[in-house]
Amino acid sequence: MESQAFKLFLAFIGVMAVGFGIVATTRESPQEKLQGAFLQTSSLLSKLALEKCTDAVRKEAGTHPYTPSESSGDHTTNATLIWNNVGTVKRAECRYVMDQGITLLRVDDRVLIEKEAPQLGGAAPKPAHH
């Protein structure tokens, strides 16, 4: 009986060793890491855009907008959401830019927020002195 238990114990240790070996030798490739980072960024952007834009449109429309009718963007830095027929509002458009917040909020024909997106890859131009 003891030798049977000892054999089961050794088999268990062997299976665990093989499992640890497989886990230790399996590594994420750089491409897999990049894909994971892209998915996390895209998910965070979508969540923030939907949360912030829904709140802004709700304040203007007086009713909660549910799923946007349209959405677009580059999935890494910006997202544009459009709702049609929210309460008394026929069309609401909201653009959310990562690290800048809402840069455009247009409700019907009224532009409530419009911020210029900063230029990428360089410093802002200095004002001319006269």
C-alpha atoms as a PDB file:
ATOM      1  CA  MET A   1       0.000   0.000   0.000  1.00  0.00           C
ATOM      2  CA  GLU A   2       2.811   2.391   0.873  1.00  0.00           C
ATOM      3  CA  SER A   3       4.634   1.769  -2.395  1.00  0.00           C
ATOM      4  CA  GLN A   4       1.405   2.500  -4.328  1.00  0.00           C
ATOM      5  CA  ALA A   5       0.987   5.835  -2.514  1.00  0.00           C
ATOM      6  CA  PHE A   6       4.643   6.640  -3.098  1.00  0.00           C
ATOM      7  CA  LYS A   7       4.275   5.898  -6.834  1.00  0.00           C
ATOM      8  CA  LEU A   8       1.202   8.196  -7.004  1.00  0.00           C
ATOM      9  CA  PHE A   9       3.161  10.895  -5.194  1.00  0.00           C
ATOM     10  CA  LEU A  10       6.058  10.587  -7.663  1.00  0.00           C
ATOM     11  CA  ALA A  11       3.634  10.686 -10.612  1.00  0.00           C
ATOM     12  CA  PHE A  12       2.045  13.843  -9.200  1.00  0.00           C
ATOM     13  CA  ILE A  13       5.471  15.470  -8.761  1.00  0.00           C
ATOM     14  CA  GLY A  14       6.365  14.492 -12.337  1.00  0.00           C
ATOM     15  CA  VAL A  15       3.184  16.018 -13.765  1.00  0.00           C
ATOM     16  CA  MET A  16       3.755  19.216 -11.781  1.00  0.00           C
ATOM     17  CA  ALA A  17       7.368  19.437 -12.994  1.00  0.00           C
ATOM     18  CA  VAL A  18       6.280  19.062 -16.628  1.00  0.00           C
ATOM     19  CA  GLY A  19       3.597  21.743 -16.108  1.00  0.00           C
ATOM     20  CA  PHE A  20       6.077  24.174 -14.565  1.00  0.00           C
ATOM     21  CA  GLY A  21       8.488  23.463 -17.413  1.00  0.00           C
ATOM     22  CA  ILE A  22       5.870  24.273 -20.046  1.00  0.00           C
ATOM     23  CA  VAL A  23       4.845  27.499 -18.310  1.00  0.00           C
ATOM     24  CA  ALA A  24       8.482  28.571 -17.845  1.00  0.00           C
ATOM     25  CA  THR A  25       9.371  28.039 -21.510  1.00  0.00           C
ATOM     26  CA  THR A  26       6.243  29.672 -22.964  1.00  0.00           C
ATOM     27  CA  ARG A  27       6.849  33.397 -23.469  1.00  0.00           C
ATOM     28  CA  GLU A  28       4.736  36.100 -25.069  1.00  0.00           C
ATOM     29  CA  SER A  29       6.190  37.303 -28.364  1.00  0.00           C
ATOM     30  CA  PRO A  30       6.736  41.047 -28.915  1.00  0.00           C
ATOM     31  CA  GLN A  31       3.870  41.004 -31.430  1.00  0.00           C
ATOM     32  CA  GLU A  32       1.530  39.411 -28.872  1.00  0.00           C
ATOM     33  CA  LYS A  33       2.551  42.026 -26.299  1.00  0.00           C
ATOM     34  CA  LEU A  34       1.851  44.808 -28.816  1.00  0.00           C
ATOM     35  CA  GLN A  35      -1.547  43.338 -29.682  1.00  0.00           C
ATOM     36  CA  GLY A  36      -2.403  43.126 -25.983  1.00  0.00           C
ATOM     37  CA  ALA A  37      -1.415  46.754 -25.433  1.00  0.00           C
ATOM     38  CA  PHE A  38      -3.475  47.861 -28.454  1.00  0.00           C
ATOM     39  CA  LEU A  39      -6.538  46.005 -27.159  1.00  0.00           C
ATOM     40  CA  GLN A  40      -6.161  47.532 -23.691  1.00  0.00           C
ATOM     41  CA  THR A  41      -5.788  51.051 -25.110  1.00  0.00           C
ATOM     42  CA  SER A  42      -8.711  50.587 -27.473  1.00  0.00           C
ATOM     43  CA  SER A  43     -10.903  49.236 -24.685  1.00  0.00           C
ATOM     44  CA  LEU A  44      -9.979  52.087 -22.337  1.00  0.00           C
ATOM     45  CA  LEU A  45     -10.616  54.697 -25.045  1.00  0.00           C
ATOM     46  CA  SER A  46     -14.007  53.211 -25.913  1.00  0.00           C
ATOM     47  CA  LYS A  47     -15.030  53.053 -22.264  1.00  0.00           C
ATOM     48  CA  LEU A  48     -13.955  56.638 -21.516  1.00  0.00           C
ATOM     49  CA  ALA A  49     -15.504  58.037 -24.707  1.00  0.00           C
ATOM     50  CA  LEU A  50     -18.827  56.314 -24.082  1.00  0.00           C
ATOM     51  CA  GLU A  51     -18.922  57.373 -20.419  1.00  0.00           C
ATOM     52  CA  LYS A  52     -17.945  61.031 -20.917  1.00  0.00           C
ATOM     53  CA  CYS A  53     -19.886  61.621 -24.134  1.00  0.00           C
ATOM     54  CA  THR A  54     -23.029  59.929 -22.799  1.00  0.00           C
ATOM     55  CA  ASP A  55     -22.948  62.243 -19.754  1.00  0.00           C
ATOM     56  CA  ALA A  56     -22.456  65.353 -21.918  1.00  0.00           C
ATOM     57  CA  VAL A  57     -25.262  64.409 -24.329  1.00  0.00           C
ATOM     58  CA  ARG A  58     -27.583  63.500 -21.428  1.00  0.00           C
ATOM     59  CA  LYS A  59     -27.083  66.973 -19.916  1.00  0.00           C
ATOM     60  CA  GLU A  60     -28.028  68.640 -23.200  1.00  0.00           C
ATOM     61  CA  ALA A  61     -30.826  66.297 -24.281  1.00  0.00           C
ATOM     62  CA  GLY A  62     -32.398  65.901 -20.854  1.00  0.00           C
ATOM     63  CA  THR A  63     -32.665  62.142 -21.339  1.00  0.00           C
ATOM     64  CA  HIS A  64     -30.202  59.253 -21.276  1.00  0.00           C
ATOM     65  CA  PRO A  65     -28.758  58.343 -24.685  1.00  0.00           C
ATOM     66  CA  TYR A  66     -28.200  54.629 -25.000  1.00  0.00           C
ATOM     67  CA  THR A  67     -26.172  52.931 -27.719  1.00  0.00           C
ATOM     68  CA  PRO A  68     -24.708  55.398 -30.245  1.00  0.00           C
ATOM     69  CA  SER A  69     -26.100  55.177 -33.782  1.00  0.00           C
ATOM     70  CA  GLU A  70     -22.597  55.552 -35.247  1.00  0.00           C
ATOM     71  CA  SER A  71     -19.036  55.465 -33.984  1.00  0.00           C
ATOM     72  CA  SER A  72     -15.682  56.065 -35.611  1.00  0.00           C
ATOM     73  CA  GLY A  73     -12.102  56.874 -34.702  1.00  0.00           C
ATOM     74  CA  ASP A  74      -8.622  55.383 -34.827  1.00  0.00           C
ATOM     75  CA  HIS A  75      -9.101  53.188 -31.721  1.00  0.00           C
ATOM     76  CA  THR A  76      -5.892  54.494 -30.112  1.00  0.00           C
ATOM     77  CA  THR A  77      -6.252  58.255 -29.631  1.00  0.00           C
ATOM     78  CA  ASN A  78      -9.802  59.341 -30.498  1.00  0.00           C
ATOM     79  CA  ALA A  79     -13.391  58.205 -30.855  1.00  0.00           C
ATOM     80  CA  THR A  80     -16.399  59.986 -32.338  1.00  0.00           C
ATOM     81  CA  LEU A  81     -19.864  58.923 -31.221  1.00  0.00           C
ATOM     82  CA  ILE A  82     -23.147  59.993 -32.849  1.00  0.00           C
ATOM     83  CA  TRP A  83     -26.635  59.544 -31.454  1.00  0.00           C
ATOM     84  CA  ASN A  84     -29.817  60.104 -33.467  1.00  0.00           C
ATOM     85  CA  ASN A  85     -33.176  61.029 -31.918  1.00  0.00           C
ATOM     86  CA  VAL A  86     -32.324  61.378 -28.238  1.00  0.00           C
ATOM     87  CA  GLY A  87     -35.289  63.029 -26.559  1.00  0.00           C
ATOM     88  CA  THR A  88     -35.825  66.336 -28.354  1.00  0.00           C
ATOM     89  CA  VAL A  89     -32.376  66.184 -29.972  1.00  0.00           C
ATOM     90  CA  LYS A  90     -32.299  64.938 -33.555  1.00  0.00           C
ATOM     91  CA  ARG A  91     -28.516  64.444 -33.731  1.00  0.00           C
ATOM     92  CA  ALA A  92     -25.753  64.612 -31.129  1.00  0.00           C
ATOM     93  CA  GLU A  93     -22.078  64.235 -32.043  1.00  0.00           C
ATOM     94  CA  CYS A  94     -19.277  63.894 -29.523  1.00  0.00           C
ATOM     95  CA  ARG A  95     -15.543  63.440 -30.160  1.00  0.00           C
ATOM     96  CA  TYR A  96     -13.365  62.208 -27.291  1.00  0.00           C
ATOM     97  CA  VAL A  97      -9.568  62.388 -27.503  1.00  0.00           C
ATOM     98  CA  MET A  98      -7.379  60.400 -25.117  1.00  0.00           C
ATOM     99  CA  ASP A  99      -5.690  62.638 -22.525  1.00  0.00           C
ATOM    100  CA  GLN A 100      -7.728  65.664 -23.701  1.00  0.00           C
ATOM    101  CA  GLY A 101     -11.327  64.681 -22.997  1.00  0.00           C
ATOM    102  CA  ILE A 102     -14.220  65.890 -25.117  1.00  0.00           C
ATOM    103  CA  THR A 103     -12.934  68.008 -27.998  1.00  0.00           C
ATOM    104  CA  LEU A 104     -16.225  68.329 -29.894  1.00  0.00           C
ATOM    105  CA  LEU A 105     -19.814  68.349 -28.730  1.00  0.00           C
ATOM    106  CA  ARG A 106     -22.404  69.248 -31.342  1.00  0.00           C
ATOM    107  CA  VAL A 107     -26.115  68.992 -30.571  1.00  0.00           C
ATOM    108  CA  ASP A 108     -28.303  69.538 -33.618  1.00  0.00           C
ATOM    109  CA  ASP A 109     -26.888  72.748 -35.135  1.00  0.00           C
ATOM    110  CA  ARG A 110     -25.294  74.070 -31.923  1.00  0.00           C
ATOM    111  CA  VAL A 111     -21.574  73.562 -31.289  1.00  0.00           C
ATOM    112  CA  LEU A 112     -21.184  73.469 -27.510  1.00  0.00           C
ATOM    113  CA  ILE A 113     -17.538  72.376 -27.313  1.00  0.00           C
ATOM    114  CA  GLU A 114     -14.921  72.635 -30.021  1.00  0.00           C
ATOM    115  CA  LYS A 115     -11.258  72.402 -29.137  1.00  0.00           C
ATOM    116  CA  GLU A 116      -8.442  72.416 -31.628  1.00  0.00           C
ATOM    117  CA  ALA A 117      -6.452  69.187 -31.496  1.00  0.00           C
ATOM    118  CA  PRO A 118      -2.766  69.846 -30.814  1.00  0.00           C
ATOM    119  CA  GLN A 119      -0.336  69.126 -33.615  1.00  0.00           C
ATOM    120  CA  LEU A 120       1.591  65.919 -33.204  1.00  0.00           C
ATOM    121  CA  GLY A 121       5.339  65.658 -33.325  1.00  0.00           C
ATOM    122  CA  GLY A 122       6.395  69.195 -32.548  1.00  0.00           C
ATOM    123  CA  ALA A 123       6.224  72.147 -30.250  1.00  0.00           C
ATOM    124  CA  ALA A 124       3.497  74.712 -30.601  1.00  0.00           C
ATOM    125  CA  PRO A 125       4.471  77.677 -32.758  1.00  0.00           C
ATOM    126  CA  LYS A 126       5.581  80.727 -30.819  1.00  0.00           C
ATOM    127  CA  PRO A 127       3.552  83.904 -31.238  1.00  0.00           C
ATOM    128  CA  ALA A 128       5.166  86.579 -33.435  1.00  0.00           C
ATOM    129  CA  HIS A 129       6.432  89.698 -31.680  1.00  0.00           C
ATOM    130  CA  HIS A 130       5.584  93.043 -33.251  1.00  0.00           C
END
